[in-house]
Amino acid sequence: MAHTRNEIVEGSDLMLFISGASGYNSVAFATNHTLNISTSVSDTSNKDVGAGLWSSTAVRQLSYTISTENLYSIGAYDKLYDAMIAKTPLKVCFAPKDATQATAEGNAPAGGWSPEMAPTTTRYEGNAVITSLNTTAQNGDNATFTCELAGVGALTKVVSGQDDPGDTGSTGNTATGVTDPSDTGSTAGEYNP
């Protein structure tokens, strides 16, 4: 079922997707995703405005970071490690998953989830580099990893069914200077083995 613009989205539905040869796919075994959009400001307070009693600011830059927390799988971790060492941006998307892809048991499809593309769905797309990849392997518990990404350039809001200036009609990666994990020989679910 497509998400409408005025409904509450469950946390389990909102995900990070990374672009590869087969389009956007989720990172395997995710437990949490975070998108942080922030603004840096500078102080423009002066004696001429409000007698200097109130501070004022001006926006200087916008930035974003995305993180994913996952149960550790060798395939997913290795793909992210390779992308980090390559030092080039990945094309990322933060959006609700396409729940129609679920198996009869409600599990992720082979190759992982894709973002929902219904006309009422908003997704956020951009390029990002991996800034950290941390693994935790506690005795007696599942191993986990966290991957942090920092935006390179703008984070664009895209509403399915509306004109997308970056859409070339291809489901693959078309952005200049962006890593395309398809060169690993994988054809589907690059970050979701």
N, C-alpha and C. Protein backbone atom coordinates (compact mmCIF):
# COMPACT_ATOMS: atom_id res chain seq x y z
N MET A 1 0.84 -1.19 0.00
CA MET A 1 0.00 0.00 0.00
C MET A 1 0.88 1.24 0.00
N ALA A 2 0.56 2.18 -0.88
CA ALA A 2 1.33 3.41 -0.98
C ALA A 2 1.07 4.31 0.23
N HIS A 3 2.09 5.02 0.63
CA HIS A 3 1.96 5.97 1.72
C HIS A 3 1.36 7.27 1.19
N THR A 4 0.43 7.84 1.93
CA THR A 4 -0.13 9.12 1.55
C THR A 4 0.61 10.22 2.28
N ARG A 5 0.45 11.44 1.81
CA ARG A 5 1.21 12.57 2.36
C ARG A 5 0.80 12.93 3.78
N ASN A 6 -0.38 12.51 4.22
CA ASN A 6 -0.86 12.92 5.54
C ASN A 6 -1.01 11.78 6.52
N GLU A 7 -0.28 10.69 6.31
CA GLU A 7 -0.34 9.59 7.26
C GLU A 7 1.00 9.44 7.99
N ILE A 8 0.93 8.83 9.14
CA ILE A 8 2.14 8.56 9.91
C ILE A 8 2.84 7.35 9.28
N VAL A 9 4.13 7.49 9.04
CA VAL A 9 4.91 6.41 8.44
C VAL A 9 5.60 5.64 9.56
N GLU A 10 5.47 4.33 9.56
CA GLU A 10 6.13 3.50 10.56
C GLU A 10 7.64 3.53 10.34
N GLY A 11 8.40 3.51 11.44
CA GLY A 11 9.85 3.53 11.35
C GLY A 11 10.41 2.37 10.55
N SER A 12 9.75 1.21 10.60
CA SER A 12 10.25 0.05 9.86
C SER A 12 10.09 0.22 8.36
N ASP A 13 9.27 1.18 7.92
CA ASP A 13 9.06 1.40 6.49
C ASP A 13 10.03 2.41 5.89
N LEU A 14 10.57 3.33 6.68
CA LEU A 14 11.44 4.40 6.18
C LEU A 14 12.88 3.92 6.20
N MET A 15 13.54 3.96 5.02
CA MET A 15 14.84 3.30 4.90
C MET A 15 15.83 4.11 4.06
N LEU A 16 17.10 3.72 4.18
CA LEU A 16 18.17 4.21 3.32
C LEU A 16 18.35 3.21 2.18
N PHE A 17 18.48 3.74 0.96
CA PHE A 17 18.74 2.92 -0.22
C PHE A 17 19.98 3.46 -0.91
N ILE A 18 20.77 2.56 -1.49
CA ILE A 18 21.97 2.95 -2.23
C ILE A 18 21.82 2.46 -3.65
N SER A 19 22.18 3.31 -4.60
CA SER A 19 21.99 2.98 -6.01
C SER A 19 23.09 2.06 -6.53
N GLY A 20 22.68 1.14 -7.39
CA GLY A 20 23.59 0.23 -8.06
C GLY A 20 23.05 -0.11 -9.43
N ALA A 21 23.51 -1.17 -10.02
CA ALA A 21 23.13 -1.55 -11.38
C ALA A 21 21.64 -1.81 -11.52
N SER A 22 20.99 -2.30 -10.47
CA SER A 22 19.57 -2.62 -10.55
C SER A 22 18.70 -1.52 -9.97
N GLY A 23 19.24 -0.34 -9.79
CA GLY A 23 18.50 0.77 -9.17
C GLY A 23 18.82 0.85 -7.69
N TYR A 24 17.93 1.45 -6.92
CA TYR A 24 18.13 1.58 -5.49
C TYR A 24 17.78 0.28 -4.77
N ASN A 25 18.64 -0.10 -3.82
CA ASN A 25 18.38 -1.26 -2.95
C ASN A 25 18.74 -0.91 -1.53
N SER A 26 18.08 -1.57 -0.59
CA SER A 26 18.35 -1.37 0.83
C SER A 26 19.66 -2.06 1.22
N VAL A 27 20.18 -1.65 2.38
CA VAL A 27 21.34 -2.32 2.96
C VAL A 27 20.80 -3.43 3.86
N ALA A 28 21.36 -4.63 3.76
CA ALA A 28 20.80 -5.82 4.41
C ALA A 28 20.72 -5.70 5.93
N PHE A 29 19.66 -6.23 6.49
CA PHE A 29 19.44 -6.42 7.93
C PHE A 29 19.51 -5.12 8.74
N ALA A 30 18.94 -4.06 8.21
CA ALA A 30 18.94 -2.77 8.90
C ALA A 30 18.04 -2.80 10.13
N THR A 31 18.49 -2.13 11.18
CA THR A 31 17.68 -1.98 12.39
C THR A 31 17.31 -0.53 12.65
N ASN A 32 18.05 0.41 12.06
CA ASN A 32 17.76 1.84 12.27
C ASN A 32 18.41 2.65 11.15
N HIS A 33 17.71 3.71 10.74
CA HIS A 33 18.26 4.68 9.79
C HIS A 33 18.00 6.07 10.33
N THR A 34 18.94 6.98 10.08
CA THR A 34 18.79 8.36 10.53
C THR A 34 19.20 9.30 9.42
N LEU A 35 18.35 10.29 9.13
CA LEU A 35 18.68 11.37 8.21
C LEU A 35 18.72 12.64 9.03
N ASN A 36 19.84 13.36 8.97
CA ASN A 36 20.01 14.60 9.71
C ASN A 36 20.32 15.72 8.72
N ILE A 37 19.43 16.69 8.61
CA ILE A 37 19.64 17.86 7.74
C ILE A 37 19.90 19.03 8.66
N SER A 38 20.99 19.75 8.42
CA SER A 38 21.35 20.83 9.33
C SER A 38 21.77 22.09 8.56
N THR A 39 21.79 23.17 9.29
CA THR A 39 22.14 24.48 8.76
C THR A 39 23.25 25.06 9.59
N SER A 40 24.26 25.60 8.94
CA SER A 40 25.26 26.37 9.68
C SER A 40 24.92 27.85 9.50
N VAL A 41 25.06 28.59 10.58
CA VAL A 41 24.69 30.00 10.57
C VAL A 41 25.86 30.84 11.07
N SER A 42 25.78 32.11 10.75
CA SER A 42 26.76 33.05 11.32
C SER A 42 25.99 34.15 12.05
N ASP A 43 26.62 34.69 13.05
CA ASP A 43 26.00 35.73 13.87
C ASP A 43 26.01 37.05 13.11
N THR A 44 24.83 37.64 12.95
CA THR A 44 24.72 38.95 12.29
C THR A 44 24.22 40.01 13.27
N SER A 45 24.32 39.75 14.57
CA SER A 45 23.87 40.70 15.59
C SER A 45 24.68 41.98 15.47
N ASN A 46 23.99 43.11 15.70
CA ASN A 46 24.68 44.39 15.64
C ASN A 46 23.92 45.43 16.47
N LYS A 47 24.52 46.57 16.68
CA LYS A 47 23.94 47.62 17.51
C LYS A 47 22.80 48.36 16.84
N ASP A 48 22.68 48.22 15.51
CA ASP A 48 21.65 48.95 14.78
C ASP A 48 20.29 48.25 14.80
N VAL A 49 20.25 46.98 15.16
CA VAL A 49 19.00 46.24 15.14
C VAL A 49 18.64 45.85 16.57
N GLY A 50 17.46 46.30 17.01
CA GLY A 50 16.98 45.95 18.35
C GLY A 50 17.90 46.43 19.45
N ALA A 51 18.60 47.50 19.23
CA ALA A 51 19.53 48.08 20.21
C ALA A 51 20.60 47.08 20.63
N GLY A 52 20.83 46.07 19.77
CA GLY A 52 21.87 45.09 20.06
C GLY A 52 21.52 44.10 21.15
N LEU A 53 20.25 44.08 21.61
CA LEU A 53 19.85 43.20 22.69
C LEU A 53 19.52 41.79 22.21
N TRP A 54 19.07 41.67 20.97
CA TRP A 54 18.66 40.37 20.44
C TRP A 54 19.66 39.90 19.40
N SER A 55 19.96 38.64 19.46
CA SER A 55 20.88 38.09 18.45
C SER A 55 20.13 37.83 17.16
N SER A 56 20.86 37.85 16.06
CA SER A 56 20.28 37.49 14.77
C SER A 56 21.32 36.65 14.02
N THR A 57 20.82 35.83 13.14
CA THR A 57 21.71 34.92 12.41
C THR A 57 21.35 34.92 10.93
N ALA A 58 22.31 34.49 10.13
CA ALA A 58 22.11 34.30 8.70
C ALA A 58 22.55 32.89 8.33
N VAL A 59 21.75 32.25 7.51
CA VAL A 59 22.08 30.90 7.06
C VAL A 59 23.26 30.97 6.10
N ARG A 60 24.24 30.13 6.31
CA ARG A 60 25.43 30.11 5.45
C ARG A 60 25.51 28.85 4.59
N GLN A 61 25.24 27.68 5.19
CA GLN A 61 25.34 26.42 4.45
C GLN A 61 24.32 25.42 4.97
N LEU A 62 23.90 24.56 4.05
CA LEU A 62 23.05 23.43 4.40
C LEU A 62 23.88 22.17 4.23
N SER A 63 23.62 21.17 5.06
CA SER A 63 24.34 19.90 4.93
C SER A 63 23.45 18.78 5.44
N TYR A 64 23.85 17.55 5.12
CA TYR A 64 23.10 16.41 5.62
C TYR A 64 24.03 15.23 5.85
N THR A 65 23.59 14.38 6.78
CA THR A 65 24.26 13.12 7.04
C THR A 65 23.19 12.04 7.11
N ILE A 66 23.59 10.82 6.79
CA ILE A 66 22.70 9.67 6.86
C ILE A 66 23.47 8.56 7.58
N SER A 67 22.79 7.83 8.42
CA SER A 67 23.44 6.68 9.05
C SER A 67 22.52 5.47 8.94
N THR A 68 23.16 4.31 8.93
CA THR A 68 22.43 3.05 8.93
C THR A 68 23.05 2.15 9.99
N GLU A 69 22.20 1.52 10.78
CA GLU A 69 22.63 0.54 11.78
C GLU A 69 22.09 -0.81 11.34
N ASN A 70 22.97 -1.81 11.31
CA ASN A 70 22.59 -3.10 10.74
C ASN A 70 23.14 -4.25 11.55
N LEU A 71 22.44 -5.38 11.50
CA LEU A 71 23.04 -6.62 11.94
C LEU A 71 24.14 -6.94 10.93
N TYR A 72 25.23 -7.48 11.40
CA TYR A 72 26.41 -7.68 10.54
C TYR A 72 26.19 -8.85 9.58
N SER A 73 26.36 -8.57 8.29
CA SER A 73 26.46 -9.63 7.29
C SER A 73 27.72 -9.33 6.48
N ILE A 74 28.47 -10.34 6.17
CA ILE A 74 29.75 -10.15 5.49
C ILE A 74 29.55 -9.45 4.15
N GLY A 75 28.54 -9.87 3.38
CA GLY A 75 28.32 -9.28 2.06
C GLY A 75 28.04 -7.79 2.11
N ALA A 76 27.10 -7.37 2.98
CA ALA A 76 26.75 -5.95 3.08
C ALA A 76 27.92 -5.13 3.59
N TYR A 77 28.60 -5.63 4.62
CA TYR A 77 29.74 -4.90 5.18
C TYR A 77 30.85 -4.75 4.15
N ASP A 78 31.16 -5.83 3.43
CA ASP A 78 32.22 -5.77 2.43
C ASP A 78 31.93 -4.75 1.34
N LYS A 79 30.68 -4.68 0.89
CA LYS A 79 30.31 -3.71 -0.14
C LYS A 79 30.52 -2.28 0.36
N LEU A 80 30.11 -2.01 1.60
CA LEU A 80 30.29 -0.68 2.16
C LEU A 80 31.77 -0.36 2.38
N TYR A 81 32.52 -1.35 2.84
CA TYR A 81 33.97 -1.16 3.01
C TYR A 81 34.61 -0.79 1.68
N ASP A 82 34.29 -1.53 0.63
CA ASP A 82 34.85 -1.25 -0.70
C ASP A 82 34.49 0.15 -1.18
N ALA A 83 33.24 0.56 -0.94
CA ALA A 83 32.81 1.90 -1.34
C ALA A 83 33.56 2.98 -0.55
N MET A 84 33.81 2.73 0.74
CA MET A 84 34.53 3.70 1.57
C MET A 84 35.97 3.85 1.09
N ILE A 85 36.64 2.73 0.83
CA ILE A 85 38.03 2.76 0.39
C ILE A 85 38.15 3.42 -0.98
N ALA A 86 37.13 3.31 -1.82
CA ALA A 86 37.14 3.93 -3.16
C ALA A 86 37.08 5.46 -3.07
N LYS A 87 36.62 6.02 -1.95
CA LYS A 87 36.60 7.46 -1.68
C LYS A 87 35.74 8.25 -2.67
N THR A 88 34.77 7.63 -3.26
CA THR A 88 33.90 8.35 -4.19
C THR A 88 32.46 8.31 -3.67
N PRO A 89 31.67 9.33 -4.01
CA PRO A 89 30.29 9.39 -3.52
C PRO A 89 29.42 8.25 -4.03
N LEU A 90 28.46 7.88 -3.21
CA LEU A 90 27.42 6.93 -3.57
C LEU A 90 26.13 7.71 -3.78
N LYS A 91 25.28 7.26 -4.69
CA LYS A 91 23.96 7.87 -4.85
C LYS A 91 23.05 7.22 -3.83
N VAL A 92 22.44 8.04 -2.96
CA VAL A 92 21.61 7.54 -1.87
C VAL A 92 20.19 8.08 -1.96
N CYS A 93 19.30 7.36 -1.33
CA CYS A 93 17.88 7.73 -1.29
C CYS A 93 17.34 7.40 0.10
N PHE A 94 16.59 8.30 0.68
CA PHE A 94 15.94 8.09 1.96
C PHE A 94 14.44 8.18 1.72
N ALA A 95 13.73 7.07 1.88
CA ALA A 95 12.32 7.01 1.50
C ALA A 95 11.64 5.81 2.13
N PRO A 96 10.30 5.76 2.06
CA PRO A 96 9.62 4.54 2.48
C PRO A 96 9.94 3.40 1.53
N LYS A 97 10.00 2.18 2.07
CA LYS A 97 10.22 1.00 1.22
C LYS A 97 8.93 0.66 0.47
N ASP A 98 9.09 -0.04 -0.63
CA ASP A 98 7.95 -0.52 -1.40
C ASP A 98 7.46 -1.81 -0.75
N ALA A 99 6.47 -1.70 0.11
CA ALA A 99 5.98 -2.85 0.88
C ALA A 99 5.32 -3.90 0.01
N THR A 100 4.96 -3.54 -1.22
CA THR A 100 4.35 -4.53 -2.11
C THR A 100 5.35 -5.60 -2.53
N GLN A 101 6.64 -5.37 -2.28
CA GLN A 101 7.67 -6.35 -2.63
C GLN A 101 7.82 -7.46 -1.60
N ALA A 102 7.16 -7.34 -0.48
CA ALA A 102 7.33 -8.30 0.61
C ALA A 102 6.93 -9.71 0.17
N THR A 103 7.63 -10.69 0.72
CA THR A 103 7.26 -12.08 0.48
C THR A 103 5.95 -12.38 1.20
N ALA A 104 5.40 -13.55 0.99
CA ALA A 104 4.15 -13.95 1.64
C ALA A 104 4.27 -13.89 3.16
N GLU A 105 5.49 -14.10 3.68
CA GLU A 105 5.73 -14.06 5.13
C GLU A 105 5.99 -12.64 5.62
N GLY A 106 6.03 -11.66 4.70
CA GLY A 106 6.30 -10.27 5.08
C GLY A 106 7.77 -9.92 5.10
N ASN A 107 8.63 -10.81 4.60
CA ASN A 107 10.07 -10.57 4.60
C ASN A 107 10.50 -9.76 3.38
N ALA A 108 11.74 -9.28 3.44
CA ALA A 108 12.31 -8.54 2.32
C ALA A 108 12.43 -9.45 1.11
N PRO A 109 12.28 -8.90 -0.09
CA PRO A 109 12.45 -9.71 -1.29
C PRO A 109 13.91 -10.05 -1.52
N ALA A 110 14.19 -11.05 -2.34
CA ALA A 110 15.58 -11.37 -2.70
C ALA A 110 16.20 -10.13 -3.31
N GLY A 111 17.39 -9.77 -2.87
CA GLY A 111 18.05 -8.57 -3.37
C GLY A 111 17.72 -7.32 -2.58
N GLY A 112 16.79 -7.40 -1.64
CA GLY A 112 16.50 -6.26 -0.77
C GLY A 112 15.34 -5.41 -1.25
N TRP A 113 14.95 -4.48 -0.40
CA TRP A 113 13.86 -3.56 -0.68
C TRP A 113 14.27 -2.50 -1.70
N SER A 114 13.29 -1.94 -2.36
CA SER A 114 13.46 -0.75 -3.21
C SER A 114 12.56 0.34 -2.66
N PRO A 115 12.85 1.61 -2.99
CA PRO A 115 11.98 2.68 -2.48
C PRO A 115 10.61 2.66 -3.15
N GLU A 116 9.63 3.13 -2.41
CA GLU A 116 8.28 3.26 -2.94
C GLU A 116 8.26 4.38 -3.98
N MET A 117 7.60 4.16 -5.10
CA MET A 117 7.58 5.14 -6.18
C MET A 117 6.15 5.61 -6.49
N ALA A 118 5.23 5.46 -5.56
CA ALA A 118 3.84 5.88 -5.77
C ALA A 118 3.76 7.40 -5.93
N PRO A 119 2.74 7.91 -6.64
CA PRO A 119 2.63 9.35 -6.88
C PRO A 119 2.53 10.19 -5.61
N THR A 120 2.15 9.58 -4.49
CA THR A 120 2.01 10.34 -3.24
C THR A 120 3.26 10.28 -2.36
N THR A 121 4.30 9.60 -2.83
CA THR A 121 5.48 9.36 -1.99
C THR A 121 6.58 10.40 -2.24
N THR A 122 7.14 10.91 -1.16
CA THR A 122 8.29 11.82 -1.24
C THR A 122 9.53 11.05 -0.85
N ARG A 123 10.60 11.23 -1.60
CA ARG A 123 11.88 10.64 -1.25
C ARG A 123 12.94 11.73 -1.33
N TYR A 124 14.05 11.50 -0.64
CA TYR A 124 15.15 12.46 -0.60
C TYR A 124 16.37 11.79 -1.20
N GLU A 125 16.94 12.39 -2.24
CA GLU A 125 18.05 11.79 -2.98
C GLU A 125 19.24 12.73 -3.02
N GLY A 126 20.42 12.15 -3.02
CA GLY A 126 21.65 12.93 -3.13
C GLY A 126 22.83 12.00 -3.26
N ASN A 127 24.00 12.59 -3.19
CA ASN A 127 25.26 11.85 -3.21
C ASN A 127 25.91 11.98 -1.85
N ALA A 128 26.56 10.93 -1.40
CA ALA A 128 27.18 10.94 -0.07
C ALA A 128 28.41 10.05 -0.04
N VAL A 129 29.36 10.42 0.80
CA VAL A 129 30.55 9.60 1.00
C VAL A 129 30.48 8.96 2.38
N ILE A 130 31.04 7.79 2.49
CA ILE A 130 31.08 7.10 3.78
C ILE A 130 32.18 7.72 4.62
N THR A 131 31.81 8.21 5.81
CA THR A 131 32.79 8.84 6.70
C THR A 131 33.20 7.93 7.84
N SER A 132 32.39 6.93 8.15
CA SER A 132 32.80 5.95 9.16
C SER A 132 32.03 4.66 8.98
N LEU A 133 32.70 3.58 9.36
CA LEU A 133 32.12 2.24 9.29
C LEU A 133 32.59 1.50 10.55
N ASN A 134 31.69 1.34 11.50
CA ASN A 134 32.04 0.79 12.82
C ASN A 134 31.35 -0.54 13.06
N THR A 135 32.11 -1.50 13.55
CA THR A 135 31.57 -2.84 13.82
C THR A 135 31.62 -3.10 15.32
N THR A 136 30.56 -3.74 15.83
CA THR A 136 30.52 -4.17 17.22
C THR A 136 30.27 -5.67 17.24
N ALA A 137 31.11 -6.39 17.97
CA ALA A 137 30.99 -7.85 18.05
C ALA A 137 31.07 -8.26 19.51
N GLN A 138 29.95 -8.13 20.21
CA GLN A 138 29.89 -8.43 21.64
C GLN A 138 29.68 -9.93 21.84
N ASN A 139 30.39 -10.50 22.79
CA ASN A 139 30.25 -11.91 23.11
C ASN A 139 28.81 -12.25 23.46
N GLY A 140 28.29 -13.32 22.84
CA GLY A 140 26.96 -13.78 23.15
C GLY A 140 25.84 -12.99 22.47
N ASP A 141 26.18 -12.10 21.53
CA ASP A 141 25.16 -11.30 20.86
C ASP A 141 25.46 -11.24 19.37
N ASN A 142 24.49 -10.80 18.58
CA ASN A 142 24.72 -10.63 17.15
C ASN A 142 25.71 -9.51 16.91
N ALA A 143 26.60 -9.70 15.95
CA ALA A 143 27.49 -8.62 15.53
C ALA A 143 26.68 -7.59 14.78
N THR A 144 27.07 -6.32 14.90
CA THR A 144 26.38 -5.22 14.24
C THR A 144 27.39 -4.29 13.60
N PHE A 145 26.92 -3.44 12.70
CA PHE A 145 27.77 -2.36 12.19
C PHE A 145 26.94 -1.11 11.98
N THR A 146 27.61 0.02 12.04
CA THR A 146 27.02 1.32 11.77
C THR A 146 27.81 1.99 10.68
N CYS A 147 27.12 2.55 9.71
CA CYS A 147 27.76 3.27 8.61
C CYS A 147 27.24 4.70 8.60
N GLU A 148 28.17 5.66 8.62
CA GLU A 148 27.82 7.08 8.57
C GLU A 148 28.21 7.63 7.20
N LEU A 149 27.30 8.41 6.60
CA LEU A 149 27.56 9.03 5.30
C LEU A 149 27.34 10.53 5.40
N ALA A 150 28.18 11.30 4.72
CA ALA A 150 28.04 12.76 4.68
C ALA A 150 27.70 13.18 3.26
N GLY A 151 26.74 14.08 3.15
CA GLY A 151 26.27 14.54 1.84
C GLY A 151 27.35 15.28 1.06
N VAL A 152 27.31 15.08 -0.24
CA VAL A 152 28.16 15.81 -1.18
C VAL A 152 27.22 16.58 -2.09
N GLY A 153 27.07 17.87 -1.87
CA GLY A 153 26.12 18.65 -2.64
C GLY A 153 24.73 18.60 -2.04
N ALA A 154 23.74 18.90 -2.87
CA ALA A 154 22.36 19.06 -2.41
C ALA A 154 21.68 17.73 -2.14
N LEU A 155 20.76 17.75 -1.19
CA LEU A 155 19.81 16.67 -0.96
C LEU A 155 18.51 17.14 -1.60
N THR A 156 18.03 16.41 -2.59
CA THR A 156 16.89 16.84 -3.37
C THR A 156 15.62 16.10 -2.96
N LYS A 157 14.55 16.86 -2.77
CA LYS A 157 13.25 16.26 -2.49
C LYS A 157 12.61 15.90 -3.83
N VAL A 158 12.23 14.63 -3.99
CA VAL A 158 11.62 14.16 -5.22
C VAL A 158 10.27 13.54 -4.87
N VAL A 159 9.22 13.99 -5.56
CA VAL A 159 7.90 13.41 -5.39
C VAL A 159 7.62 12.59 -6.64
N SER A 160 7.39 11.31 -6.47
CA SER A 160 7.13 10.43 -7.61
C SER A 160 5.96 10.98 -8.42
N GLY A 161 6.09 10.86 -9.74
CA GLY A 161 5.04 11.34 -10.62
C GLY A 161 5.20 12.79 -11.01
N GLN A 162 6.11 13.52 -10.37
CA GLN A 162 6.40 14.90 -10.75
C GLN A 162 7.71 14.91 -11.51
N ASP A 163 7.95 15.97 -12.25
CA ASP A 163 9.19 16.06 -13.02
C ASP A 163 10.39 15.98 -12.10
N ASP A 164 11.32 15.11 -12.44
CA ASP A 164 12.56 14.92 -11.71
C ASP A 164 13.69 15.31 -12.65
N PRO A 165 14.35 16.46 -12.43
CA PRO A 165 15.39 16.90 -13.35
C PRO A 165 16.56 15.94 -13.44
N GLY A 166 16.73 15.08 -12.45
CA GLY A 166 17.83 14.12 -12.49
C GLY A 166 17.43 12.79 -13.09
N ASP A 167 16.15 12.64 -13.47
CA ASP A 167 15.67 11.36 -13.97
C ASP A 167 15.95 11.24 -15.46
N THR A 168 16.71 10.23 -15.83
CA THR A 168 17.01 9.99 -17.23
C THR A 168 16.23 8.82 -17.77
N GLY A 169 15.30 8.32 -16.96
CA GLY A 169 14.51 7.17 -17.38
C GLY A 169 15.18 5.85 -17.05
N SER A 170 16.38 5.89 -16.52
CA SER A 170 17.12 4.69 -16.17
C SER A 170 16.97 4.42 -14.69
N THR A 171 16.95 3.16 -14.32
CA THR A 171 16.92 2.83 -12.89
C THR A 171 18.32 2.76 -12.32
N GLY A 172 19.31 2.81 -13.16
CA GLY A 172 20.69 2.72 -12.71
C GLY A 172 21.24 4.06 -12.29
N ASN A 173 22.50 4.09 -11.95
CA ASN A 173 23.18 5.26 -11.45
C ASN A 173 23.67 6.11 -12.62
N THR A 174 23.22 7.38 -12.67
CA THR A 174 23.60 8.24 -13.78
C THR A 174 24.38 9.47 -13.34
N ALA A 175 24.58 9.65 -12.06
CA ALA A 175 25.25 10.85 -11.57
C ALA A 175 26.75 10.79 -11.83
N THR A 176 27.30 11.91 -12.25
CA THR A 176 28.73 11.98 -12.54
C THR A 176 29.54 11.86 -11.26
N GLY A 177 30.60 11.07 -11.29
CA GLY A 177 31.48 10.94 -10.14
C GLY A 177 30.92 10.11 -9.01
N VAL A 178 29.88 9.37 -9.25
CA VAL A 178 29.26 8.57 -8.20
C VAL A 178 29.60 7.11 -8.41
N THR A 179 29.97 6.45 -7.34
CA THR A 179 30.33 5.04 -7.42
C THR A 179 29.15 4.21 -7.87
N ASP A 180 29.38 3.33 -8.82
CA ASP A 180 28.36 2.39 -9.27
C ASP A 180 28.82 1.00 -8.87
N PRO A 181 28.23 0.43 -7.82
CA PRO A 181 28.67 -0.87 -7.33
C PRO A 181 28.52 -2.00 -8.34
N SER A 182 27.91 -1.72 -9.49
CA SER A 182 27.70 -2.78 -10.47
C SER A 182 29.00 -3.32 -11.04
N ASP A 183 30.10 -2.60 -10.88
CA ASP A 183 31.35 -3.10 -11.43
C ASP A 183 31.91 -4.26 -10.64
N THR A 184 31.19 -4.70 -9.61
CA THR A 184 31.64 -5.86 -8.83
C THR A 184 31.13 -7.17 -9.46
N GLY A 185 30.33 -7.04 -10.51
CA GLY A 185 29.79 -8.21 -11.16
C GLY A 185 28.43 -8.61 -10.63
N SER A 186 27.94 -7.95 -9.59
CA SER A 186 26.64 -8.25 -9.03
C SER A 186 25.56 -7.61 -9.90
N THR A 187 24.41 -8.27 -10.04
CA THR A 187 23.36 -7.72 -10.87
C THR A 187 22.13 -7.27 -10.10
N ALA A 188 22.03 -7.63 -8.84
CA ALA A 188 20.88 -7.20 -8.05
C ALA A 188 21.23 -7.18 -6.58
N GLY A 189 20.64 -6.22 -5.87
CA GLY A 189 20.81 -6.18 -4.42
C GLY A 189 22.25 -6.03 -3.98
N GLU A 190 22.95 -5.05 -4.55
CA GLU A 190 24.39 -4.91 -4.28
C GLU A 190 24.73 -4.81 -2.80
N TYR A 191 23.89 -4.13 -2.03
CA TYR A 191 24.17 -3.97 -0.61
C TYR A 191 23.28 -4.89 0.22
N ASN A 192 22.66 -5.83 -0.46
CA ASN A 192 21.76 -6.76 0.21
C ASN A 192 21.95 -8.13 -0.39
N PRO A 193 23.06 -8.80 -0.05
CA PRO A 193 23.39 -10.09 -0.70
C PRO A 193 22.37 -11.18 -0.39
